[in-house]
N, C-alpha and C. Protein backbone atom coordinates (compact mmCIF):
# COMPACT_ATOMS: atom_id res chain seq x y z
N MET A 1 -14.46 45.24 -20.74
CA MET A 1 -13.70 44.36 -19.84
C MET A 1 -13.06 43.20 -20.57
N ALA A 2 -13.54 42.90 -21.76
CA ALA A 2 -12.99 41.78 -22.51
C ALA A 2 -11.51 42.00 -22.76
N GLY A 3 -10.75 40.90 -22.67
CA GLY A 3 -9.32 40.99 -22.93
C GLY A 3 -8.50 41.19 -21.68
N VAL A 4 -9.12 41.53 -20.54
CA VAL A 4 -8.38 41.68 -19.29
C VAL A 4 -8.44 40.35 -18.56
N LYS A 5 -7.30 39.74 -18.37
CA LYS A 5 -7.24 38.40 -17.80
C LYS A 5 -7.82 38.39 -16.39
N GLY A 6 -8.67 37.40 -16.12
CA GLY A 6 -9.21 37.25 -14.79
C GLY A 6 -10.52 37.96 -14.56
N GLU A 7 -10.95 38.84 -15.49
CA GLU A 7 -12.21 39.55 -15.32
C GLU A 7 -13.31 38.87 -16.13
N SER A 8 -14.57 39.09 -15.70
CA SER A 8 -15.72 38.51 -16.38
C SER A 8 -15.84 39.09 -17.79
N LYS A 9 -16.25 38.23 -18.71
CA LYS A 9 -16.46 38.68 -20.08
C LYS A 9 -17.94 38.94 -20.32
N VAL A 10 -18.26 40.09 -20.88
CA VAL A 10 -19.64 40.41 -21.23
C VAL A 10 -19.96 39.72 -22.55
N GLN A 11 -21.01 38.92 -22.55
CA GLN A 11 -21.41 38.21 -23.75
C GLN A 11 -22.12 39.17 -24.70
N PRO A 12 -22.22 38.80 -26.00
CA PRO A 12 -22.90 39.66 -26.99
C PRO A 12 -24.32 40.03 -26.59
N ASP A 13 -25.00 39.17 -25.83
CA ASP A 13 -26.38 39.48 -25.44
C ASP A 13 -26.43 40.29 -24.14
N GLY A 14 -25.27 40.69 -23.62
CA GLY A 14 -25.24 41.52 -22.43
C GLY A 14 -25.19 40.75 -21.12
N THR A 15 -25.19 39.39 -21.19
CA THR A 15 -25.11 38.61 -19.96
C THR A 15 -23.65 38.36 -19.60
N PHE A 16 -23.45 37.76 -18.46
CA PHE A 16 -22.09 37.49 -17.98
C PHE A 16 -21.78 35.99 -18.01
N GLY A 17 -22.19 35.30 -19.07
CA GLY A 17 -21.85 33.89 -19.22
C GLY A 17 -22.66 32.97 -18.34
N TRP A 18 -23.92 33.34 -18.04
CA TRP A 18 -24.72 32.49 -17.16
C TRP A 18 -24.98 31.12 -17.76
N GLU A 19 -25.13 31.06 -19.08
CA GLU A 19 -25.37 29.76 -19.72
C GLU A 19 -24.17 28.84 -19.53
N GLU A 20 -22.96 29.40 -19.66
CA GLU A 20 -21.75 28.61 -19.45
C GLU A 20 -21.64 28.16 -17.99
N LEU A 21 -21.99 29.07 -17.07
CA LEU A 21 -21.94 28.73 -15.65
C LEU A 21 -22.94 27.63 -15.33
N GLU A 22 -24.14 27.74 -15.90
CA GLU A 22 -25.17 26.73 -15.65
C GLU A 22 -24.70 25.37 -16.17
N ARG A 23 -24.07 25.39 -17.34
CA ARG A 23 -23.56 24.12 -17.89
C ARG A 23 -22.42 23.58 -17.04
N LEU A 24 -21.59 24.48 -16.54
CA LEU A 24 -20.43 24.06 -15.74
C LEU A 24 -20.86 23.34 -14.47
N VAL A 25 -21.92 23.83 -13.84
CA VAL A 25 -22.33 23.26 -12.55
C VAL A 25 -23.51 22.30 -12.69
N ASP A 26 -23.90 21.98 -13.89
CA ASP A 26 -25.00 21.05 -14.08
C ASP A 26 -24.63 19.69 -13.48
N PRO A 27 -25.38 19.20 -12.50
CA PRO A 27 -25.00 17.96 -11.80
C PRO A 27 -24.84 16.76 -12.71
N GLN A 28 -25.74 16.59 -13.68
CA GLN A 28 -25.65 15.44 -14.57
C GLN A 28 -24.40 15.49 -15.43
N ARG A 29 -24.08 16.69 -15.94
CA ARG A 29 -22.89 16.83 -16.78
C ARG A 29 -21.63 16.57 -15.97
N VAL A 30 -21.59 17.15 -14.75
CA VAL A 30 -20.39 17.00 -13.91
C VAL A 30 -20.21 15.54 -13.51
N ARG A 31 -21.30 14.88 -13.11
CA ARG A 31 -21.20 13.47 -12.72
C ARG A 31 -20.70 12.61 -13.90
N LYS A 32 -21.22 12.88 -15.08
CA LYS A 32 -20.78 12.14 -16.26
C LYS A 32 -19.30 12.39 -16.54
N ALA A 33 -18.85 13.64 -16.37
CA ALA A 33 -17.45 13.96 -16.59
C ALA A 33 -16.57 13.30 -15.54
N PHE A 34 -17.01 13.32 -14.27
CA PHE A 34 -16.24 12.65 -13.21
C PHE A 34 -16.08 11.17 -13.54
N ALA A 35 -17.18 10.54 -13.96
CA ALA A 35 -17.15 9.11 -14.27
C ALA A 35 -16.24 8.81 -15.45
N LYS A 36 -16.00 9.81 -16.28
CA LYS A 36 -15.13 9.64 -17.44
C LYS A 36 -13.66 9.78 -17.08
N PHE A 37 -13.32 10.76 -16.23
CA PHE A 37 -11.91 11.10 -16.01
C PHE A 37 -11.30 10.51 -14.73
N PHE A 38 -12.09 10.31 -13.70
CA PHE A 38 -11.50 9.87 -12.44
C PHE A 38 -11.05 8.41 -12.41
N PRO A 39 -11.74 7.47 -13.08
CA PRO A 39 -11.26 6.09 -13.04
C PRO A 39 -9.82 5.93 -13.51
N ASP A 40 -9.45 6.65 -14.56
CA ASP A 40 -8.07 6.55 -15.06
C ASP A 40 -7.08 7.05 -14.03
N ALA A 41 -7.40 8.17 -13.37
CA ALA A 41 -6.51 8.71 -12.34
C ALA A 41 -6.39 7.75 -11.17
N LEU A 42 -7.50 7.17 -10.75
CA LEU A 42 -7.48 6.23 -9.64
C LEU A 42 -6.74 4.96 -10.01
N ASP A 43 -6.90 4.50 -11.24
CA ASP A 43 -6.18 3.30 -11.68
C ASP A 43 -4.68 3.53 -11.66
N ARG A 44 -4.23 4.70 -12.10
CA ARG A 44 -2.80 5.02 -12.06
C ARG A 44 -2.30 5.07 -10.62
N MET A 45 -3.13 5.60 -9.71
CA MET A 45 -2.76 5.62 -8.30
C MET A 45 -2.58 4.20 -7.77
N GLY A 46 -3.51 3.32 -8.12
CA GLY A 46 -3.41 1.94 -7.66
C GLY A 46 -2.18 1.24 -8.19
N GLN A 47 -1.89 1.44 -9.46
CA GLN A 47 -0.68 0.83 -10.04
C GLN A 47 0.58 1.33 -9.36
N LEU A 48 0.61 2.64 -9.07
CA LEU A 48 1.78 3.21 -8.41
C LEU A 48 1.91 2.70 -6.98
N PHE A 49 0.79 2.52 -6.30
CA PHE A 49 0.82 1.95 -4.94
C PHE A 49 1.50 0.59 -4.95
N VAL A 50 1.12 -0.27 -5.88
CA VAL A 50 1.70 -1.61 -5.96
C VAL A 50 3.20 -1.51 -6.28
N THR A 51 3.55 -0.68 -7.25
CA THR A 51 4.95 -0.55 -7.66
C THR A 51 5.82 0.02 -6.54
N ARG A 52 5.37 1.12 -5.94
CA ARG A 52 6.16 1.73 -4.87
C ARG A 52 6.21 0.84 -3.64
N GLY A 53 5.12 0.15 -3.33
CA GLY A 53 5.12 -0.76 -2.19
C GLY A 53 6.16 -1.85 -2.35
N ARG A 54 6.24 -2.42 -3.55
CA ARG A 54 7.24 -3.46 -3.81
C ARG A 54 8.66 -2.89 -3.76
N ASP A 55 8.84 -1.72 -4.34
CA ASP A 55 10.17 -1.10 -4.33
C ASP A 55 10.64 -0.82 -2.91
N ILE A 56 9.74 -0.33 -2.08
CA ILE A 56 10.10 -0.01 -0.69
C ILE A 56 10.51 -1.27 0.05
N ILE A 57 9.73 -2.34 -0.10
CA ILE A 57 10.02 -3.58 0.61
C ILE A 57 11.28 -4.26 0.08
N LEU A 58 11.40 -4.35 -1.24
CA LEU A 58 12.48 -5.14 -1.85
C LEU A 58 13.79 -4.38 -1.99
N ASP A 59 13.73 -3.09 -2.31
CA ASP A 59 14.94 -2.35 -2.64
C ASP A 59 15.36 -1.35 -1.56
N GLU A 60 14.41 -0.62 -1.03
CA GLU A 60 14.76 0.42 -0.05
C GLU A 60 14.91 -0.14 1.36
N LYS A 61 14.20 -1.18 1.68
CA LYS A 61 14.36 -1.95 2.93
C LYS A 61 14.46 -1.07 4.17
N PRO A 62 13.43 -0.29 4.49
CA PRO A 62 13.52 0.61 5.63
C PRO A 62 13.20 -0.04 6.97
N PHE A 63 12.89 -1.33 6.99
CA PHE A 63 12.41 -1.97 8.21
C PHE A 63 13.50 -2.80 8.89
N ALA A 64 13.25 -3.13 10.16
CA ALA A 64 14.20 -3.90 10.95
C ALA A 64 14.48 -5.25 10.30
N ASP A 65 15.76 -5.66 10.32
CA ASP A 65 16.14 -6.96 9.76
C ASP A 65 15.47 -8.10 10.52
N ASN A 66 15.38 -9.24 9.87
CA ASN A 66 14.87 -10.43 10.54
C ASN A 66 15.81 -10.84 11.67
N ALA A 67 15.23 -11.45 12.69
CA ALA A 67 16.03 -11.99 13.79
C ALA A 67 16.84 -13.18 13.30
N ALA A 68 17.87 -13.53 14.08
CA ALA A 68 18.78 -14.61 13.68
C ALA A 68 18.04 -15.92 13.44
N LEU A 69 17.08 -16.24 14.30
CA LEU A 69 16.33 -17.48 14.12
C LEU A 69 15.53 -17.45 12.83
N THR A 70 14.94 -16.31 12.52
CA THR A 70 14.17 -16.17 11.28
C THR A 70 15.08 -16.30 10.06
N VAL A 71 16.26 -15.69 10.15
CA VAL A 71 17.22 -15.80 9.05
C VAL A 71 17.60 -17.26 8.83
N ALA A 72 17.82 -17.98 9.94
CA ALA A 72 18.18 -19.40 9.83
C ALA A 72 17.04 -20.21 9.20
N LEU A 73 15.81 -19.86 9.56
CA LEU A 73 14.66 -20.59 9.05
C LEU A 73 14.37 -20.27 7.59
N LYS A 74 14.50 -18.99 7.25
CA LYS A 74 14.04 -18.56 5.93
C LYS A 74 15.16 -18.13 4.99
N GLY A 75 16.36 -17.98 5.52
CA GLY A 75 17.50 -17.72 4.66
C GLY A 75 17.67 -16.29 4.19
N SER A 76 17.00 -15.34 4.85
CA SER A 76 17.10 -13.95 4.42
C SER A 76 16.99 -13.03 5.61
N ALA A 77 17.81 -11.96 5.61
CA ALA A 77 17.73 -10.96 6.66
C ALA A 77 16.71 -9.88 6.33
N THR A 78 16.26 -9.83 5.07
CA THR A 78 15.31 -8.82 4.64
C THR A 78 13.90 -9.26 5.00
N PRO A 79 13.17 -8.47 5.77
CA PRO A 79 11.82 -8.87 6.17
C PRO A 79 10.81 -8.78 5.04
N LEU A 80 9.75 -9.55 5.19
CA LEU A 80 8.56 -9.48 4.33
C LEU A 80 8.73 -10.11 2.95
N VAL A 81 9.89 -10.69 2.66
CA VAL A 81 10.10 -11.15 1.28
C VAL A 81 10.52 -12.62 1.19
N GLU A 82 10.45 -13.36 2.28
CA GLU A 82 11.02 -14.71 2.27
C GLU A 82 10.41 -15.61 1.20
N HIS A 83 9.12 -15.51 1.00
CA HIS A 83 8.45 -16.35 0.01
C HIS A 83 7.92 -15.55 -1.18
N GLY A 84 7.98 -14.24 -1.09
CA GLY A 84 7.48 -13.40 -2.17
C GLY A 84 5.97 -13.24 -2.17
N ASP A 85 5.29 -13.91 -1.22
CA ASP A 85 3.84 -13.87 -1.25
C ASP A 85 3.28 -12.53 -0.82
N LEU A 86 3.98 -11.82 0.10
CA LEU A 86 3.45 -10.54 0.55
C LEU A 86 3.55 -9.48 -0.54
N VAL A 87 4.73 -9.31 -1.11
CA VAL A 87 4.89 -8.29 -2.14
C VAL A 87 4.03 -8.59 -3.37
N GLU A 88 3.82 -9.88 -3.64
CA GLU A 88 2.98 -10.23 -4.77
C GLU A 88 1.49 -10.09 -4.44
N SER A 89 1.19 -9.89 -3.15
CA SER A 89 -0.21 -9.75 -2.74
C SER A 89 -0.65 -8.30 -2.62
N LEU A 90 0.27 -7.35 -2.80
CA LEU A 90 -0.13 -5.94 -2.82
C LEU A 90 -1.09 -5.74 -3.99
N THR A 91 -2.19 -5.10 -3.74
CA THR A 91 -3.22 -5.03 -4.77
C THR A 91 -4.09 -3.80 -4.61
N TYR A 92 -4.95 -3.57 -5.57
CA TYR A 92 -5.91 -2.47 -5.51
C TYR A 92 -7.09 -2.81 -6.40
N HIS A 93 -8.22 -2.18 -6.17
CA HIS A 93 -9.32 -2.26 -7.12
C HIS A 93 -10.24 -1.06 -6.96
N LEU A 94 -10.84 -0.70 -8.08
CA LEU A 94 -11.75 0.44 -8.11
C LEU A 94 -13.13 0.01 -7.64
N ILE A 95 -13.78 0.92 -6.92
CA ILE A 95 -15.16 0.73 -6.51
C ILE A 95 -15.95 1.86 -7.17
N GLY A 96 -16.61 1.54 -8.27
CA GLY A 96 -17.26 2.59 -9.04
C GLY A 96 -16.21 3.50 -9.65
N TRP A 97 -16.54 4.78 -9.80
CA TRP A 97 -15.59 5.72 -10.40
C TRP A 97 -14.95 6.62 -9.37
N LYS A 98 -15.37 6.53 -8.10
CA LYS A 98 -14.89 7.51 -7.13
C LYS A 98 -14.20 6.91 -5.91
N LYS A 99 -14.03 5.60 -5.87
CA LYS A 99 -13.37 4.99 -4.73
C LYS A 99 -12.28 4.03 -5.19
N LEU A 100 -11.19 4.02 -4.46
CA LEU A 100 -10.07 3.13 -4.75
C LEU A 100 -9.66 2.44 -3.47
N ARG A 101 -9.66 1.13 -3.48
CA ARG A 101 -9.23 0.36 -2.31
C ARG A 101 -7.84 -0.20 -2.58
N MET A 102 -6.91 0.11 -1.69
CA MET A 102 -5.53 -0.37 -1.83
C MET A 102 -5.14 -1.14 -0.58
N GLY A 103 -4.41 -2.22 -0.74
CA GLY A 103 -4.02 -3.01 0.42
C GLY A 103 -3.30 -4.26 0.00
N VAL A 104 -3.51 -5.32 0.76
CA VAL A 104 -2.82 -6.58 0.50
C VAL A 104 -3.77 -7.73 0.78
N ASN A 105 -3.77 -8.72 -0.11
CA ASN A 105 -4.51 -9.96 0.15
C ASN A 105 -3.70 -10.80 1.12
N SER A 106 -4.30 -11.21 2.20
CA SER A 106 -3.53 -11.93 3.21
C SER A 106 -4.40 -12.99 3.89
N ARG A 107 -3.75 -14.04 4.34
CA ARG A 107 -4.50 -15.13 4.98
C ARG A 107 -4.75 -14.83 6.45
N GLU A 108 -5.77 -15.47 6.96
CA GLU A 108 -6.11 -15.33 8.38
C GLU A 108 -5.37 -16.38 9.17
N LEU A 109 -4.82 -15.98 10.31
CA LEU A 109 -4.09 -16.90 11.18
C LEU A 109 -5.07 -17.64 12.10
N SER A 110 -4.57 -18.67 12.75
CA SER A 110 -5.42 -19.44 13.67
C SER A 110 -5.91 -18.60 14.83
N SER A 111 -5.18 -17.53 15.15
CA SER A 111 -5.58 -16.63 16.23
C SER A 111 -6.75 -15.72 15.84
N GLY A 112 -7.06 -15.70 14.55
CA GLY A 112 -8.11 -14.82 14.06
C GLY A 112 -7.58 -13.53 13.47
N ARG A 113 -6.31 -13.22 13.74
CA ARG A 113 -5.71 -12.02 13.15
C ARG A 113 -5.29 -12.32 11.72
N VAL A 114 -5.11 -11.25 10.95
CA VAL A 114 -4.66 -11.38 9.57
C VAL A 114 -3.14 -11.26 9.54
N LEU A 115 -2.48 -12.13 8.79
CA LEU A 115 -1.03 -12.16 8.75
C LEU A 115 -0.43 -10.81 8.40
N ALA A 116 -0.97 -10.15 7.38
CA ALA A 116 -0.43 -8.85 6.96
C ALA A 116 -0.53 -7.83 8.08
N GLU A 117 -1.60 -7.91 8.88
CA GLU A 117 -1.76 -6.99 10.00
C GLU A 117 -0.68 -7.22 11.05
N VAL A 118 -0.38 -8.48 11.34
CA VAL A 118 0.67 -8.82 12.31
C VAL A 118 2.01 -8.30 11.83
N LEU A 119 2.31 -8.51 10.55
CA LEU A 119 3.58 -8.04 10.00
C LEU A 119 3.65 -6.52 9.98
N HIS A 120 2.53 -5.87 9.72
CA HIS A 120 2.47 -4.42 9.64
C HIS A 120 2.59 -3.79 11.03
N GLU A 121 1.80 -4.28 11.97
CA GLU A 121 1.72 -3.67 13.30
C GLU A 121 2.72 -4.25 14.30
N GLY A 122 3.22 -5.45 14.00
CA GLY A 122 4.08 -6.12 14.97
C GLY A 122 3.24 -6.88 15.99
N ALA A 123 3.90 -7.72 16.77
CA ALA A 123 3.18 -8.51 17.77
C ALA A 123 4.17 -9.10 18.76
N THR A 124 3.68 -9.42 19.94
CA THR A 124 4.45 -10.15 20.94
C THR A 124 3.72 -11.47 21.19
N LEU A 125 4.40 -12.57 20.92
CA LEU A 125 3.80 -13.89 21.04
C LEU A 125 4.32 -14.61 22.26
N ARG A 126 3.42 -15.19 23.03
CA ARG A 126 3.84 -16.02 24.16
C ARG A 126 4.20 -17.39 23.62
N VAL A 127 5.41 -17.83 23.89
CA VAL A 127 5.92 -19.06 23.31
C VAL A 127 5.60 -20.25 24.21
N THR A 128 4.91 -21.21 23.65
CA THR A 128 4.64 -22.45 24.38
C THR A 128 5.72 -23.48 24.02
N ASN A 129 5.81 -24.52 24.81
CA ASN A 129 6.78 -25.59 24.52
C ASN A 129 6.48 -26.23 23.17
N LYS A 130 5.20 -26.34 22.84
CA LYS A 130 4.81 -26.93 21.57
C LYS A 130 5.27 -26.07 20.41
N MET A 131 5.10 -24.75 20.53
CA MET A 131 5.55 -23.84 19.48
C MET A 131 7.06 -23.93 19.30
N ARG A 132 7.78 -23.92 20.43
CA ARG A 132 9.24 -23.96 20.38
C ARG A 132 9.71 -25.25 19.72
N ALA A 133 9.12 -26.38 20.10
CA ALA A 133 9.51 -27.67 19.53
C ALA A 133 9.24 -27.71 18.04
N ALA A 134 8.12 -27.14 17.61
CA ALA A 134 7.77 -27.14 16.18
C ALA A 134 8.77 -26.31 15.37
N VAL A 135 9.16 -25.16 15.92
CA VAL A 135 10.12 -24.29 15.22
C VAL A 135 11.48 -24.97 15.14
N MET A 136 11.92 -25.57 16.24
CA MET A 136 13.22 -26.24 16.24
C MET A 136 13.23 -27.43 15.28
N ALA A 137 12.12 -28.16 15.23
CA ALA A 137 12.03 -29.30 14.31
C ALA A 137 12.10 -28.82 12.86
N LYS A 138 11.42 -27.73 12.58
CA LYS A 138 11.43 -27.19 11.22
C LYS A 138 12.83 -26.72 10.84
N LEU A 139 13.52 -26.07 11.78
CA LEU A 139 14.87 -25.59 11.51
C LEU A 139 15.82 -26.76 11.29
N SER A 140 15.71 -27.78 12.11
CA SER A 140 16.57 -28.95 11.96
C SER A 140 16.35 -29.63 10.62
N GLU A 141 15.09 -29.71 10.22
CA GLU A 141 14.76 -30.30 8.92
C GLU A 141 15.32 -29.46 7.77
N LYS A 142 15.30 -28.16 7.94
CA LYS A 142 15.73 -27.27 6.85
C LYS A 142 17.25 -27.28 6.67
N VAL A 143 17.99 -27.22 7.76
CA VAL A 143 19.44 -27.05 7.66
C VAL A 143 20.22 -28.34 7.88
N GLY A 144 19.55 -29.39 8.34
CA GLY A 144 20.25 -30.63 8.65
C GLY A 144 20.70 -30.67 10.10
N LYS A 145 20.85 -31.87 10.62
CA LYS A 145 21.11 -32.02 12.06
C LYS A 145 22.47 -31.45 12.46
N THR A 146 23.49 -31.63 11.62
CA THR A 146 24.83 -31.12 11.96
C THR A 146 24.82 -29.60 12.04
N ARG A 147 24.27 -28.98 11.02
CA ARG A 147 24.19 -27.51 11.00
C ARG A 147 23.29 -27.00 12.11
N PHE A 148 22.24 -27.75 12.41
CA PHE A 148 21.33 -27.36 13.49
C PHE A 148 22.07 -27.32 14.82
N ARG A 149 22.92 -28.33 15.08
CA ARG A 149 23.68 -28.34 16.34
C ARG A 149 24.61 -27.15 16.42
N GLN A 150 25.20 -26.75 15.29
CA GLN A 150 26.08 -25.58 15.27
C GLN A 150 25.30 -24.30 15.55
N LEU A 151 24.15 -24.16 14.89
CA LEU A 151 23.34 -22.96 15.08
C LEU A 151 22.79 -22.86 16.49
N SER A 152 22.40 -23.99 17.05
CA SER A 152 21.74 -23.97 18.37
C SER A 152 22.66 -23.45 19.47
N LYS A 153 23.96 -23.49 19.24
CA LYS A 153 24.90 -22.96 20.24
C LYS A 153 24.75 -21.45 20.40
N ASN A 154 24.22 -20.78 19.38
CA ASN A 154 24.08 -19.33 19.41
C ASN A 154 22.67 -18.86 19.80
N PHE A 155 21.79 -19.79 20.08
CA PHE A 155 20.41 -19.41 20.36
C PHE A 155 20.24 -18.73 21.72
N GLY A 156 21.10 -19.08 22.68
CA GLY A 156 20.95 -18.51 24.02
C GLY A 156 19.81 -19.18 24.75
N PRO A 157 19.46 -18.65 25.92
CA PRO A 157 18.38 -19.26 26.71
C PRO A 157 17.03 -19.14 25.99
N ALA A 158 16.19 -20.13 26.23
CA ALA A 158 14.87 -20.12 25.61
C ALA A 158 14.07 -18.91 26.09
N LYS A 159 13.37 -18.29 25.18
CA LYS A 159 12.59 -17.11 25.51
C LYS A 159 11.13 -17.47 25.73
N SER A 160 10.50 -16.73 26.63
CA SER A 160 9.08 -16.97 26.90
C SER A 160 8.20 -16.22 25.91
N THR A 161 8.77 -15.23 25.23
CA THR A 161 8.02 -14.47 24.22
C THR A 161 8.89 -14.25 22.99
N TRP A 162 8.23 -14.18 21.85
CA TRP A 162 8.89 -13.79 20.61
C TRP A 162 8.28 -12.48 20.16
N VAL A 163 9.13 -11.54 19.82
CA VAL A 163 8.66 -10.21 19.42
C VAL A 163 8.81 -10.06 17.91
N ILE A 164 7.72 -9.76 17.26
CA ILE A 164 7.74 -9.44 15.83
C ILE A 164 7.68 -7.92 15.73
N PRO A 165 8.76 -7.27 15.31
CA PRO A 165 8.75 -5.80 15.25
C PRO A 165 7.82 -5.30 14.15
N PRO A 166 7.24 -4.13 14.34
CA PRO A 166 6.36 -3.59 13.30
C PRO A 166 7.14 -3.23 12.04
N ARG A 167 6.56 -3.56 10.92
CA ARG A 167 7.12 -3.17 9.61
C ARG A 167 5.98 -2.58 8.80
N PRO A 168 5.69 -1.30 9.02
CA PRO A 168 4.49 -0.67 8.44
C PRO A 168 4.62 -0.38 6.94
N PHE A 169 4.59 -1.44 6.15
CA PHE A 169 4.82 -1.30 4.72
C PHE A 169 3.70 -0.52 4.03
N LEU A 170 2.47 -0.62 4.55
CA LEU A 170 1.36 0.10 3.91
C LEU A 170 1.43 1.60 4.20
N THR A 171 1.55 1.98 5.47
CA THR A 171 1.59 3.40 5.79
C THR A 171 2.85 4.05 5.24
N THR A 172 3.94 3.30 5.15
CA THR A 172 5.16 3.84 4.54
C THR A 172 4.93 4.15 3.07
N THR A 173 4.21 3.28 2.38
CA THR A 173 3.92 3.51 0.97
C THR A 173 2.96 4.69 0.80
N PHE A 174 1.92 4.76 1.64
CA PHE A 174 0.96 5.86 1.54
C PHE A 174 1.61 7.21 1.82
N ALA A 175 2.67 7.23 2.64
CA ALA A 175 3.35 8.48 2.96
C ALA A 175 4.50 8.79 2.02
N ASP A 176 4.79 7.89 1.10
CA ASP A 176 5.91 8.05 0.17
C ASP A 176 5.71 9.30 -0.69
N LYS A 177 6.75 10.09 -0.83
CA LYS A 177 6.65 11.36 -1.54
C LYS A 177 6.25 11.18 -3.00
N GLU A 178 6.85 10.22 -3.66
CA GLU A 178 6.51 10.00 -5.08
C GLU A 178 5.04 9.61 -5.20
N PHE A 179 4.57 8.73 -4.31
CA PHE A 179 3.18 8.30 -4.38
C PHE A 179 2.22 9.45 -4.11
N THR A 180 2.48 10.24 -3.07
CA THR A 180 1.54 11.31 -2.70
C THR A 180 1.53 12.42 -3.75
N GLU A 181 2.70 12.80 -4.25
CA GLU A 181 2.75 13.90 -5.21
C GLU A 181 2.12 13.52 -6.54
N LYS A 182 2.45 12.35 -7.06
CA LYS A 182 1.88 11.93 -8.33
C LYS A 182 0.38 11.71 -8.21
N SER A 183 -0.04 11.12 -7.10
CA SER A 183 -1.47 10.87 -6.90
C SER A 183 -2.24 12.18 -6.85
N ALA A 184 -1.72 13.16 -6.12
CA ALA A 184 -2.38 14.45 -6.03
C ALA A 184 -2.48 15.12 -7.39
N ASN A 185 -1.41 15.04 -8.17
CA ASN A 185 -1.42 15.65 -9.52
C ASN A 185 -2.45 14.98 -10.42
N TRP A 186 -2.53 13.64 -10.36
CA TRP A 186 -3.49 12.94 -11.21
C TRP A 186 -4.92 13.29 -10.83
N MET A 187 -5.18 13.44 -9.53
CA MET A 187 -6.53 13.78 -9.09
C MET A 187 -6.90 15.21 -9.51
N LEU A 188 -5.95 16.12 -9.40
CA LEU A 188 -6.20 17.49 -9.81
C LEU A 188 -6.42 17.58 -11.32
N GLU A 189 -5.65 16.81 -12.08
CA GLU A 189 -5.83 16.79 -13.52
C GLU A 189 -7.22 16.25 -13.88
N ALA A 190 -7.66 15.22 -13.18
CA ALA A 190 -8.98 14.65 -13.44
C ALA A 190 -10.08 15.65 -13.09
N LEU A 191 -9.89 16.37 -11.99
CA LEU A 191 -10.86 17.38 -11.60
C LEU A 191 -10.92 18.51 -12.63
N ASP A 192 -9.75 18.95 -13.06
CA ASP A 192 -9.69 20.03 -14.05
C ASP A 192 -10.36 19.60 -15.35
N ALA A 193 -10.07 18.39 -15.78
CA ALA A 193 -10.68 17.88 -17.02
C ALA A 193 -12.19 17.76 -16.88
N SER A 194 -12.64 17.37 -15.68
CA SER A 194 -14.08 17.20 -15.47
C SER A 194 -14.83 18.52 -15.48
N LEU A 195 -14.17 19.59 -15.05
CA LEU A 195 -14.85 20.88 -14.93
C LEU A 195 -14.71 21.77 -16.17
N THR A 196 -13.90 21.33 -17.12
CA THR A 196 -13.76 22.16 -18.32
C THR A 196 -15.06 22.15 -19.12
N LEU A 197 -15.28 23.21 -19.89
CA LEU A 197 -16.49 23.32 -20.70
C LEU A 197 -16.32 22.73 -22.10
N GLU A 198 -15.18 22.11 -22.35
CA GLU A 198 -14.88 21.67 -23.70
C GLU A 198 -15.50 20.32 -24.04
N HIS A 199 -16.24 19.72 -23.13
CA HIS A 199 -16.88 18.45 -23.44
C HIS A 199 -18.27 18.42 -22.88
């Protein structure tokens, strides 16, 4: 049977490679191999998550533009990038050799929700007079009183709610073709390397 691809090879002692099979499935050997090869694959996945996440937010811009008031306040129609803190907060870290945590470092709001969660999932905020006055004061301070009077003509009637549309930057990155395909290949390569008998 030797020489026929895909068929079992008879060893010189008449066995069918049981020693090799035993070594292949030896739990200690496999665990040691996993610990050797998987961290590198997971680290590459984490780096790609950060890179693709930033590219999607900054360059591909698949999310709804900022509202006119937000543009006036922050000077940009592109969401999630006004201060650069969100894209710079995309991060990852390894947990042992078999777990990878990917996400974003984000501050907690006074409501108890996390800012990144609000930006990701969207929200509807009930506007109080105090909130409205604070936003208008900030806008007036930012653009100057003359420019503020010009802008305020386009504001329309005061709204009782402000809607923050969802911008699912995390799930968009996780579903990204480049991220999923490369990640799958790196994991398969790590698995293949771990199961080989050459080490």
